[in-house]
Amino acid sequence: LRWDPNNAEPGTVVMPIMFHSITDGEINKEYQITAESLTQLLRDLKSQGFEGISMQQLAGFLQRNARIPPRSVLLIVDDLHTEEYYRKHFVPILKEYGWTLTNAWISEPEASKRVAAGNVLLQQEGWVDHQAHGVIHNVNITEFQPNTYIKTDLYGEISADQFIKNELEGSMNSIR
């Protein structure tokens, strides 16, 4: 499918960038970036011809060589964050460029409930796409983990996501 003119151009590249923590103050952890640096990075990417893509677009590209921009960037935010976090740090520039952001969503029900309603609004508006991070946070799956642990992290998110979906549908109905 590489040479089909309806698919991605040969030489198309995807740059995934993951953000863990954005700070308005000084950086005090190795996984942080300042809000100012984040904005500059996104502006630099745009000026260099990059266009934001979604996780679904990346999957289509990887599976079928589906057409995406020749210089694509997949922006990923790790962990659970509030609606305000996204609106402050990402939504203005996402609106300006017409990009979306992927959130690596931790599906642990109690943690998810605290920020779910605002994240649903962001997804409905088209700014944030939520994809599974797993249920268990910051304990990597390795060949040394028991099968029950691996199954819980991989398949537990399905039941946790269903729980959150049910909770959100209830809260959205009460808003209406």
Protein backbone atom coordinates (compact mmCIF):
# COMPACT_ATOMS: atom_id res chain seq x y z
CA LEU A 1 0.00 0.00 0.00
CA ARG A 2 3.06 2.19 0.16
CA TRP A 3 2.82 3.43 -3.40
CA ASP A 4 -0.96 3.88 -3.65
CA PRO A 5 -1.50 7.60 -4.41
CA ASN A 6 -4.55 7.60 -2.12
CA ASN A 7 -2.40 6.64 0.87
CA ALA A 8 0.36 8.35 2.83
CA GLU A 9 3.23 9.72 0.80
CA PRO A 10 6.47 7.74 0.89
CA GLY A 11 8.72 9.30 3.50
CA THR A 12 5.86 10.32 5.80
CA VAL A 13 7.09 10.66 9.39
CA VAL A 14 5.30 10.67 12.74
CA MET A 15 6.88 12.25 15.80
CA PRO A 16 5.20 11.20 19.06
CA ILE A 17 5.72 13.63 21.94
CA MET A 18 4.53 12.80 25.46
CA PHE A 19 4.01 15.39 28.16
CA HIS A 20 3.87 14.35 31.79
CA SER A 21 3.76 17.61 33.71
CA ILE A 22 3.49 21.26 32.69
CA THR A 23 4.45 23.92 35.19
CA ASP A 24 3.99 27.67 35.31
CA GLY A 25 6.87 27.92 37.75
CA GLU A 26 10.36 26.57 37.65
CA ILE A 27 11.11 23.00 36.65
CA ASN A 28 11.89 20.81 39.64
CA LYS A 29 11.37 17.34 38.13
CA GLU A 30 13.01 15.81 35.08
CA TYR A 31 9.65 15.07 33.45
CA GLN A 32 8.36 18.66 33.55
CA ILE A 33 8.19 21.34 30.89
CA THR A 34 7.28 24.96 31.43
CA ALA A 35 4.07 26.30 29.91
CA GLU A 36 6.18 28.79 27.94
CA SER A 37 8.41 26.02 26.53
CA LEU A 38 5.35 23.95 25.62
CA THR A 39 3.83 26.82 23.63
CA GLN A 40 7.16 27.48 21.90
CA LEU A 41 7.58 23.79 21.03
CA LEU A 42 4.11 23.59 19.47
CA ARG A 43 4.70 26.81 17.51
CA ASP A 44 8.08 25.50 16.30
CA LEU A 45 6.49 22.24 15.16
CA LYS A 46 3.83 24.13 13.20
CA SER A 47 6.42 26.44 11.63
CA GLN A 48 8.42 23.37 10.53
CA GLY A 49 5.37 21.96 8.73
CA PHE A 50 4.16 19.46 11.30
CA GLU A 51 0.44 18.77 11.68
CA GLY A 52 -1.19 17.11 14.68
CA ILE A 53 -2.82 13.71 14.24
CA SER A 54 -4.98 11.54 16.47
CA MET A 55 -4.27 8.05 17.74
CA GLN A 56 -6.87 6.69 15.29
CA GLN A 57 -5.02 8.36 12.41
CA LEU A 58 -1.74 6.86 13.63
CA ALA A 59 -3.32 3.40 13.82
CA GLY A 60 -4.66 3.76 10.27
CA PHE A 61 -1.24 4.85 9.05
CA LEU A 62 0.54 1.96 10.77
CA GLN A 63 -2.00 -0.67 9.73
CA ARG A 64 -2.96 0.41 6.19
CA ASN A 65 -0.65 3.31 5.32
CA ALA A 66 -3.70 5.60 5.54
CA ARG A 67 -3.09 9.17 4.44
CA ILE A 68 -1.79 11.50 7.14
CA PRO A 69 0.22 14.71 6.80
CA PRO A 70 3.79 14.04 5.58
CA ARG A 71 5.12 15.60 8.80
CA SER A 72 2.83 14.43 11.57
CA VAL A 73 3.05 14.86 15.32
CA LEU A 74 1.12 12.83 17.88
CA LEU A 75 0.77 14.84 21.10
CA ILE A 76 0.23 12.65 24.16
CA VAL A 77 -0.50 13.73 27.73
CA ASP A 78 0.24 11.09 30.33
CA ASP A 79 -2.05 10.36 33.28
CA LEU A 80 -5.20 12.00 34.59
CA HIS A 81 -5.51 15.77 34.41
CA THR A 82 -8.33 18.20 35.02
CA GLU A 83 -10.33 20.01 32.39
CA GLU A 84 -8.69 23.26 33.53
CA TYR A 85 -5.22 21.81 32.88
CA TYR A 86 -6.10 21.16 29.23
CA ARG A 87 -7.96 24.43 28.75
CA LYS A 88 -5.06 26.43 30.15
CA HIS A 89 -2.12 24.68 28.51
CA PHE A 90 -3.44 23.15 25.28
CA VAL A 91 -6.87 24.22 24.04
CA PRO A 92 -5.90 27.72 22.80
CA ILE A 93 -3.18 26.39 20.51
CA LEU A 94 -5.18 23.29 19.56
CA LYS A 95 -7.97 25.63 18.41
CA GLU A 96 -5.52 27.81 16.50
CA TYR A 97 -4.01 24.84 14.64
CA GLY A 98 -7.03 22.51 14.47
CA TRP A 99 -5.12 19.78 16.28
CA THR A 100 -6.21 17.22 18.86
CA LEU A 101 -4.38 15.79 21.81
CA THR A 102 -4.31 12.20 23.04
CA ASN A 103 -4.62 11.55 26.75
CA ALA A 104 -3.14 8.31 28.12
CA TRP A 105 -6.04 7.80 30.54
CA ILE A 106 -5.55 5.75 33.70
CA SER A 107 -8.70 3.67 34.02
CA GLU A 108 -8.66 3.19 37.78
CA PRO A 109 -12.28 4.05 38.70
CA GLU A 110 -11.79 6.11 41.87
CA ALA A 111 -9.07 8.30 40.37
CA SER A 112 -10.92 8.61 37.07
CA LYS A 113 -14.16 9.77 38.68
CA ARG A 114 -12.49 12.92 40.02
CA VAL A 115 -11.72 14.31 36.57
CA ALA A 116 -14.02 12.39 34.23
CA ALA A 117 -16.84 14.90 33.67
CA GLY A 118 -14.53 17.70 32.48
CA ASN A 119 -12.59 15.30 30.28
CA VAL A 120 -15.82 14.14 28.63
CA LEU A 121 -16.60 17.75 27.71
CA LEU A 122 -13.13 18.17 26.18
CA GLN A 123 -13.58 15.00 24.15
CA GLN A 124 -17.04 16.05 22.97
CA GLU A 125 -15.56 19.38 21.85
CA GLY A 126 -12.90 17.47 19.90
CA TRP A 127 -9.77 18.69 21.72
CA VAL A 128 -8.80 15.60 23.71
CA ASP A 129 -9.00 11.97 22.66
CA HIS A 130 -8.73 9.46 25.51
CA GLN A 131 -6.85 6.21 25.06
CA ALA A 132 -6.08 3.46 27.58
CA HIS A 133 -3.04 3.86 29.83
CA GLY A 134 -3.98 0.86 31.98
CA VAL A 135 -5.45 0.52 35.45
CA ILE A 136 -2.35 0.13 37.56
CA HIS A 137 -0.18 3.22 37.56
CA ASN A 138 3.62 3.33 37.44
CA VAL A 139 4.25 -0.40 37.77
CA ASN A 140 5.46 -1.65 34.40
CA ILE A 141 4.45 -4.98 32.95
CA THR A 142 7.50 -7.21 32.63
CA GLU A 143 8.12 -10.87 31.98
CA PHE A 144 8.50 -11.25 35.76
CA GLN A 145 4.97 -10.10 36.57
CA PRO A 146 2.40 -12.82 37.33
CA ASN A 147 -0.26 -13.39 34.68
CA THR A 148 -2.98 -12.16 37.04
CA TYR A 149 -1.24 -8.79 37.32
CA ILE A 150 -0.86 -8.49 33.57
CA LYS A 151 -4.49 -9.48 32.99
CA THR A 152 -5.70 -6.96 35.57
CA ASP A 153 -3.80 -4.10 33.96
CA LEU A 154 -4.73 -4.99 30.40
CA TYR A 155 -8.31 -6.20 30.83
CA GLY A 156 -9.22 -4.39 34.03
CA GLU A 157 -9.33 -1.15 32.10
CA ILE A 158 -12.25 -2.46 30.06
CA SER A 159 -14.46 -2.86 33.12
CA ALA A 160 -13.13 0.36 34.63
CA ASP A 161 -13.82 2.25 31.40
CA GLN A 162 -17.35 0.84 31.34
CA PHE A 163 -17.81 1.98 34.93
CA ILE A 164 -16.66 5.51 34.05
CA LYS A 165 -18.83 5.56 30.94
CA ASN A 166 -21.88 4.64 33.01
CA GLU A 167 -21.02 7.30 35.60
CA LEU A 168 -20.57 9.95 32.94
CA GLU A 169 -23.76 9.09 31.11
CA GLY A 170 -25.59 9.51 34.41
CA SER A 171 -23.95 12.86 35.12
CA MET A 172 -24.53 14.11 31.57
CA ASN A 173 -28.21 13.15 31.80
CA SER A 174 -28.55 15.08 35.06
CA ILE A 175 -26.96 18.16 33.42
CA ARG A 176 -29.55 18.06 30.64
